[in-house]
Amino acid sequence: MFCDSLLVNIPLRDKITIGTMVQIILKQDQRTGYLTDGTVKRILTSNNFHPYGIKVELSNGRIGRVQKII
């Protein structure tokens, strides 16, 4: 479960564009918190905010929720 202080740092959808370098958390890594780097290929979440991060597909095909923009 995420605490409120972490929610403040999760980027909004309007800050994420195709080609943006991001760090995502994959479904299987939610327990460990391991982040995966990559370039956004598609934005899958339509809302501007999601409490666990905006869901994206990376250029390598992996899908996860954005935790940081790098």
PDB file of N, CA and C in Angstrom:
ATOM      1  N   MET A   1       0.837  -1.184   0.000  1.00  0.00           N
ATOM      2  CA  MET A   1       0.000   0.000   0.000  1.00  0.00           C
ATOM      3  C   MET A   1       0.878   1.242   0.000  1.00  0.00           C
ATOM      4  N   PHE A   2       0.491   2.240  -0.775  1.00  0.00           N
ATOM      5  CA  PHE A   2       1.260   3.471  -0.884  1.00  0.00           C
ATOM      6  C   PHE A   2       0.824   4.454   0.185  1.00  0.00           C
ATOM      7  N   CYS A   3       1.789   5.189   0.737  1.00  0.00           N
ATOM      8  CA  CYS A   3       1.427   6.230   1.695  1.00  0.00           C
ATOM      9  C   CYS A   3       1.180   7.536   0.943  1.00  0.00           C
ATOM     10  N   ASP A   4       0.500   8.474   1.578  1.00  0.00           N
ATOM     11  CA  ASP A   4       0.123   9.730   0.935  1.00  0.00           C
ATOM     12  C   ASP A   4       1.319  10.528   0.429  1.00  0.00           C
ATOM     13  N   SER A   5       2.453  10.440   1.093  1.00  0.00           N
ATOM     14  CA  SER A   5       3.622  11.214   0.663  1.00  0.00           C
ATOM     15  C   SER A   5       4.142  10.728  -0.686  1.00  0.00           C
ATOM     16  N   LEU A   6       3.964   9.442  -0.996  1.00  0.00           N
ATOM     17  CA  LEU A   6       4.396   8.920  -2.292  1.00  0.00           C
ATOM     18  C   LEU A   6       3.479   9.396  -3.405  1.00  0.00           C
ATOM     19  N   LEU A   7       2.197   9.574  -3.115  1.00  0.00           N
ATOM     20  CA  LEU A   7       1.245   9.994  -4.131  1.00  0.00           C
ATOM     21  C   LEU A   7       1.580  11.371  -4.687  1.00  0.00           C
ATOM     22  N   VAL A   8       2.191  12.216  -3.885  1.00  0.00           N
ATOM     23  CA  VAL A   8       2.523  13.567  -4.295  1.00  0.00           C
ATOM     24  C   VAL A   8       3.549  13.550  -5.424  1.00  0.00           C
ATOM     25  N   ASN A   9       4.436  12.575  -5.444  1.00  0.00           N
ATOM     26  CA  ASN A   9       5.528  12.534  -6.406  1.00  0.00           C
ATOM     27  C   ASN A   9       5.198  11.794  -7.694  1.00  0.00           C
ATOM     28  N   ILE A  10       4.043  11.174  -7.807  1.00  0.00           N
ATOM     29  CA  ILE A  10       3.687  10.430  -9.010  1.00  0.00           C
ATOM     30  C   ILE A  10       3.284  11.421 -10.097  1.00  0.00           C
ATOM     31  N   PRO A  11       3.933  11.338 -11.276  1.00  0.00           N
ATOM     32  CA  PRO A  11       3.646  12.309 -12.343  1.00  0.00           C
ATOM     33  C   PRO A  11       2.216  12.197 -12.884  1.00  0.00           C
ATOM     34  N   LEU A  12       1.655  13.340 -13.266  1.00  0.00           N
ATOM     35  CA  LEU A  12       0.339  13.393 -13.890  1.00  0.00           C
ATOM     36  C   LEU A  12       0.463  13.030 -15.374  1.00  0.00           C
ATOM     37  N   ARG A  13      -0.651  12.635 -15.966  1.00  0.00           N
ATOM     38  CA  ARG A  13      -0.659  12.217 -17.366  1.00  0.00           C
ATOM     39  C   ARG A  13      -0.204  13.335 -18.292  1.00  0.00           C
ATOM     40  N   ASP A  14      -0.580  14.571 -18.005  1.00  0.00           N
ATOM     41  CA  ASP A  14      -0.217  15.664 -18.906  1.00  0.00           C
ATOM     42  C   ASP A  14       1.283  15.982 -18.895  1.00  0.00           C
ATOM     43  N   LYS A  15       2.044  15.386 -17.973  1.00  0.00           N
ATOM     44  CA  LYS A  15       3.500  15.541 -17.937  1.00  0.00           C
ATOM     45  C   LYS A  15       4.207  14.439 -18.720  1.00  0.00           C
ATOM     46  N   ILE A  16       3.456  13.409 -19.131  1.00  0.00           N
ATOM     47  CA  ILE A  16       4.024  12.248 -19.808  1.00  0.00           C
ATOM     48  C   ILE A  16       3.625  12.295 -21.279  1.00  0.00           C
ATOM     49  N   THR A  17       4.616  12.218 -22.170  1.00  0.00           N
ATOM     50  CA  THR A  17       4.347  12.206 -23.603  1.00  0.00           C
ATOM     51  C   THR A  17       5.082  11.027 -24.243  1.00  0.00           C
ATOM     52  N   ILE A  18       4.693  10.712 -25.461  1.00  0.00           N
ATOM     53  CA  ILE A  18       5.386   9.665 -26.204  1.00  0.00           C
ATOM     54  C   ILE A  18       6.851  10.078 -26.342  1.00  0.00           C
ATOM     55  N   GLY A  19       7.753   9.150 -26.061  1.00  0.00           N
ATOM     56  CA  GLY A  19       9.177   9.441 -26.147  1.00  0.00           C
ATOM     57  C   GLY A  19       9.815   9.883 -24.841  1.00  0.00           C
ATOM     58  N   THR A  20       9.008  10.101 -23.801  1.00  0.00           N
ATOM     59  CA  THR A  20       9.525  10.511 -22.495  1.00  0.00           C
ATOM     60  C   THR A  20      10.246   9.330 -21.839  1.00  0.00           C
ATOM     61  N   MET A  21      11.413   9.589 -21.252  1.00  0.00           N
ATOM     62  CA  MET A  21      12.129   8.576 -20.477  1.00  0.00           C
ATOM     63  C   MET A  21      11.519   8.535 -19.078  1.00  0.00           C
ATOM     64  N   VAL A  22      11.114   7.343 -18.653  1.00  0.00           N
ATOM     65  CA  VAL A  22      10.443   7.185 -17.364  1.00  0.00           C
ATOM     66  C   VAL A  22      10.968   5.963 -16.625  1.00  0.00           C
ATOM     67  N   GLN A  23      10.604   5.886 -15.365  1.00  0.00           N
ATOM     68  CA  GLN A  23      10.798   4.681 -14.561  1.00  0.00           C
ATOM     69  C   GLN A  23       9.414   4.181 -14.203  1.00  0.00           C
ATOM     70  N   ILE A  24       9.143   2.906 -14.518  1.00  0.00           N
ATOM     71  CA  ILE A  24       7.839   2.318 -14.220  1.00  0.00           C
ATOM     72  C   ILE A  24       7.997   1.182 -13.225  1.00  0.00           C
ATOM     73  N   ILE A  25       6.878   0.850 -12.594  1.00  0.00           N
ATOM     74  CA  ILE A  25       6.842  -0.331 -11.748  1.00  0.00           C
ATOM     75  C   ILE A  25       5.963  -1.357 -12.457  1.00  0.00           C
ATOM     76  N   LEU A  26       6.545  -2.524 -12.712  1.00  0.00           N
ATOM     77  CA  LEU A  26       5.814  -3.607 -13.355  1.00  0.00           C
ATOM     78  C   LEU A  26       4.937  -4.304 -12.326  1.00  0.00           C
ATOM     79  N   LYS A  27       3.872  -4.932 -12.791  1.00  0.00           N
ATOM     80  CA  LYS A  27       2.934  -5.628 -11.902  1.00  0.00           C
ATOM     81  C   LYS A  27       3.680  -6.602 -10.971  1.00  0.00           C
ATOM     82  N   GLN A  28       4.586  -7.387 -11.548  1.00  0.00           N
ATOM     83  CA  GLN A  28       5.297  -8.393 -10.740  1.00  0.00           C
ATOM     84  C   GLN A  28       6.307  -7.778  -9.775  1.00  0.00           C
ATOM     85  N   ASP A  29       6.614  -6.498  -9.936  1.00  0.00           N
ATOM     86  CA  ASP A  29       7.582  -5.833  -9.059  1.00  0.00           C
ATOM     87  C   ASP A  29       6.927  -4.950  -8.001  1.00  0.00           C
ATOM     88  N   GLN A  30       5.600  -4.965  -7.902  1.00  0.00           N
ATOM     89  CA  GLN A  30       4.915  -4.088  -6.955  1.00  0.00           C
ATOM     90  C   GLN A  30       5.310  -4.374  -5.516  1.00  0.00           C
ATOM     91  N   ARG A  31       5.555  -5.611  -5.177  1.00  0.00           N
ATOM     92  CA  ARG A  31       5.944  -5.948  -3.789  1.00  0.00           C
ATOM     93  C   ARG A  31       7.357  -5.478  -3.461  1.00  0.00           C
ATOM     94  N   THR A  32       8.268  -5.578  -4.447  1.00  0.00           N
ATOM     95  CA  THR A  32       9.668  -5.219  -4.203  1.00  0.00           C
ATOM     96  C   THR A  32       9.938  -3.741  -4.428  1.00  0.00           C
ATOM     97  N   GLY A  33       9.130  -3.083  -5.271  1.00  0.00           N
ATOM     98  CA  GLY A  33       9.357  -1.680  -5.587  1.00  0.00           C
ATOM     99  C   GLY A  33      10.417  -1.463  -6.643  1.00  0.00           C
ATOM    100  N   TYR A  34      10.880  -2.548  -7.308  1.00  0.00           N
ATOM    101  CA  TYR A  34      11.901  -2.441  -8.346  1.00  0.00           C
ATOM    102  C   TYR A  34      11.366  -1.642  -9.531  1.00  0.00           C
ATOM    103  N   LEU A  35      12.131  -0.655  -9.998  1.00  0.00           N
ATOM    104  CA  LEU A  35      11.714   0.204 -11.102  1.00  0.00           C
ATOM    105  C   LEU A  35      12.449  -0.178 -12.383  1.00  0.00           C
ATOM    106  N   THR A  36      11.747  -0.080 -13.511  1.00  0.00           N
ATOM    107  CA  THR A  36      12.286  -0.386 -14.830  1.00  0.00           C
ATOM    108  C   THR A  36      12.330   0.899 -15.651  1.00  0.00           C
ATOM    109  N   ASP A  37      13.487   1.172 -16.265  1.00  0.00           N
ATOM    110  CA  ASP A  37      13.647   2.356 -17.103  1.00  0.00           C
ATOM    111  C   ASP A  37      13.193   2.065 -18.523  1.00  0.00           C
ATOM    112  N   GLY A  38      12.702   3.095 -19.199  1.00  0.00           N
ATOM    113  CA  GLY A  38      12.346   2.935 -20.595  1.00  0.00           C
ATOM    114  C   GLY A  38      11.755   4.195 -21.183  1.00  0.00           C
ATOM    115  N   THR A  39      11.439   4.103 -22.484  1.00  0.00           N
ATOM    116  CA  THR A  39      10.861   5.208 -23.232  1.00  0.00           C
ATOM    117  C   THR A  39       9.395   4.906 -23.508  1.00  0.00           C
ATOM    118  N   VAL A  40       8.524   5.887 -23.270  1.00  0.00           N
ATOM    119  CA  VAL A  40       7.080   5.701 -23.450  1.00  0.00           C
ATOM    120  C   VAL A  40       6.752   5.535 -24.934  1.00  0.00           C
ATOM    121  N   LYS A  41       6.050   4.427 -25.232  1.00  0.00           N
ATOM    122  CA  LYS A  41       5.557   4.167 -26.586  1.00  0.00           C
ATOM    123  C   LYS A  41       4.076   4.523 -26.695  1.00  0.00           C
ATOM    124  N   ARG A  42       3.293   4.159 -25.645  1.00  0.00           N
ATOM    125  CA  ARG A  42       1.849   4.447 -25.606  1.00  0.00           C
ATOM    126  C   ARG A  42       1.457   4.775 -24.187  1.00  0.00           C
ATOM    127  N   ILE A  43       0.482   5.677 -24.044  1.00  0.00           N
ATOM    128  CA  ILE A  43      -0.094   6.001 -22.736  1.00  0.00           C
ATOM    129  C   ILE A  43      -1.436   5.277 -22.663  1.00  0.00           C
ATOM    130  N   LEU A  44      -1.607   4.427 -21.656  1.00  0.00           N
ATOM    131  CA  LEU A  44      -2.790   3.571 -21.571  1.00  0.00           C
ATOM    132  C   LEU A  44      -3.861   4.099 -20.627  1.00  0.00           C
ATOM    133  N   THR A  45      -3.511   4.954 -19.694  1.00  0.00           N
ATOM    134  CA  THR A  45      -4.487   5.532 -18.760  1.00  0.00           C
ATOM    135  C   THR A  45      -5.056   6.806 -19.370  1.00  0.00           C
ATOM    136  N   SER A  46      -6.394   6.915 -19.384  1.00  0.00           N
ATOM    137  CA  SER A  46      -7.014   8.100 -19.985  1.00  0.00           C
ATOM    138  C   SER A  46      -7.169   9.257 -18.992  1.00  0.00           C
ATOM    139  N   ASN A  47      -7.272   8.971 -17.711  1.00  0.00           N
ATOM    140  CA  ASN A  47      -7.406  10.024 -16.702  1.00  0.00           C
ATOM    141  C   ASN A  47      -6.081  10.745 -16.495  1.00  0.00           C
ATOM    142  N   ASN A  48      -6.132  11.981 -16.010  1.00  0.00           N
ATOM    143  CA  ASN A  48      -4.911  12.743 -15.771  1.00  0.00           C
ATOM    144  C   ASN A  48      -4.165  12.259 -14.526  1.00  0.00           C
ATOM    145  N   PHE A  49      -4.852  11.570 -13.616  1.00  0.00           N
ATOM    146  CA  PHE A  49      -4.214  11.088 -12.386  1.00  0.00           C
ATOM    147  C   PHE A  49      -4.702   9.690 -12.065  1.00  0.00           C
ATOM    148  N   HIS A  50      -3.799   8.876 -11.563  1.00  0.00           N
ATOM    149  CA  HIS A  50      -4.145   7.569 -11.000  1.00  0.00           C
ATOM    150  C   HIS A  50      -3.292   7.408  -9.750  1.00  0.00           C
ATOM    151  N   PRO A  51      -3.872   6.940  -8.644  1.00  0.00           N
ATOM    152  CA  PRO A  51      -3.118   6.882  -7.380  1.00  0.00           C
ATOM    153  C   PRO A  51      -1.866   6.008  -7.424  1.00  0.00           C
ATOM    154  N   TYR A  52      -1.813   5.028  -8.325  1.00  0.00           N
ATOM    155  CA  TYR A  52      -0.633   4.156  -8.420  1.00  0.00           C
ATOM    156  C   TYR A  52       0.249   4.504  -9.604  1.00  0.00           C
ATOM    157  N   GLY A  53      -0.100   5.532 -10.358  1.00  0.00           N
ATOM    158  CA  GLY A  53       0.703   5.957 -11.498  1.00  0.00           C
ATOM    159  C   GLY A  53      -0.037   5.727 -12.809  1.00  0.00           C
ATOM    160  N   ILE A  54       0.316   6.518 -13.804  1.00  0.00           N
ATOM    161  CA  ILE A  54      -0.274   6.412 -15.130  1.00  0.00           C
ATOM    162  C   ILE A  54       0.291   5.169 -15.813  1.00  0.00           C
ATOM    163  N   LYS A  55      -0.594   4.336 -16.364  1.00  0.00           N
ATOM    164  CA  LYS A  55      -0.150   3.103 -17.011  1.00  0.00           C
ATOM    165  C   LYS A  55       0.315   3.415 -18.427  1.00  0.00           C
ATOM    166  N   VAL A  56       1.525   2.922 -18.767  1.00  0.00           N
ATOM    167  CA  VAL A  56       2.107   3.135 -20.082  1.00  0.00           C
ATOM    168  C   VAL A  56       2.706   1.838 -20.618  1.00  0.00           C
ATOM    169  N   GLU A  57       2.896   1.826 -21.938  1.00  0.00           N
ATOM    170  CA  GLU A  57       3.659   0.761 -22.584  1.00  0.00           C
ATOM    171  C   GLU A  57       4.977   1.374 -23.007  1.00  0.00           C
ATOM    172  N   LEU A  58       6.075   0.700 -22.692  1.00  0.00           N
ATOM    173  CA  LEU A  58       7.397   1.177 -23.082  1.00  0.00           C
ATOM    174  C   LEU A  58       7.730   0.690 -24.487  1.00  0.00           C
ATOM    175  N   SER A  59       8.778   1.251 -25.076  1.00  0.00           N
ATOM    176  CA  SER A  59       9.185   0.882 -26.427  1.00  0.00           C
ATOM    177  C   SER A  59       9.604  -0.588 -26.518  1.00  0.00           C
ATOM    178  N   ASN A  60       9.979  -1.203 -25.390  1.00  0.00           N
ATOM    179  CA  ASN A  60      10.354  -2.618 -25.383  1.00  0.00           C
ATOM    180  C   ASN A  60       9.150  -3.539 -25.145  1.00  0.00           C
ATOM    181  N   GLY A  61       7.935  -2.956 -25.070  1.00  0.00           N
ATOM    182  CA  GLY A  61       6.717  -3.751 -24.911  1.00  0.00           C
ATOM    183  C   GLY A  61       6.265  -3.972 -23.482  1.00  0.00           C
ATOM    184  N   ARG A  62       7.077  -3.608 -22.522  1.00  0.00           N
ATOM    185  CA  ARG A  62       6.691  -3.788 -21.114  1.00  0.00           C
ATOM    186  C   ARG A  62       5.649  -2.762 -20.719  1.00  0.00           C
ATOM    187  N   ILE A  63       4.714  -3.180 -19.853  1.00  0.00           N
ATOM    188  CA  ILE A  63       3.629  -2.313 -19.406  1.00  0.00           C
ATOM    189  C   ILE A  63       3.708  -2.163 -17.892  1.00  0.00           C
ATOM    190  N   GLY A  64       3.593  -0.924 -17.434  1.00  0.00           N
ATOM    191  CA  GLY A  64       3.619  -0.660 -16.012  1.00  0.00           C
ATOM    192  C   GLY A  64       3.159   0.745 -15.714  1.00  0.00           C
ATOM    193  N   ARG A  65       3.244   1.120 -14.456  1.00  0.00           N
ATOM    194  CA  ARG A  65       2.773   2.439 -14.010  1.00  0.00           C
ATOM    195  C   ARG A  65       3.960   3.359 -13.729  1.00  0.00           C
ATOM    196  N   VAL A  66       3.881   4.579 -14.272  1.00  0.00           N
ATOM    197  CA  VAL A  66       4.970   5.553 -14.150  1.00  0.00           C
ATOM    198  C   VAL A  66       5.114   6.001 -12.702  1.00  0.00           C
ATOM    199  N   GLN A  67       6.336   5.895 -12.208  1.00  0.00           N
ATOM    200  CA  GLN A  67       6.666   6.352 -10.857  1.00  0.00           C
ATOM    201  C   GLN A  67       7.508   7.618 -10.898  1.00  0.00           C
ATOM    202  N   LYS A  68       8.352   7.757 -11.957  1.00  0.00           N
ATOM    203  CA  LYS A  68       9.226   8.916 -12.071  1.00  0.00           C
ATOM    204  C   LYS A  68       9.473   9.218 -13.548  1.00  0.00           C
ATOM    205  N   ILE A  69       9.674  10.498 -13.838  1.00  0.00           N
ATOM    206  CA  ILE A  69      10.138  10.919 -15.150  1.00  0.00           C
ATOM    207  C   ILE A  69      11.636  11.186 -15.001  1.00  0.00           C
ATOM    208  N   ILE A  70      12.429  10.630 -15.918  1.00  0.00           N
ATOM    209  CA  ILE A  70      13.892  10.819 -15.823  1.00  0.00           C
ATOM    210  C   ILE A  70      14.425  11.561 -17.030  1.00  0.00           C
TER     211      ILE A  70
END
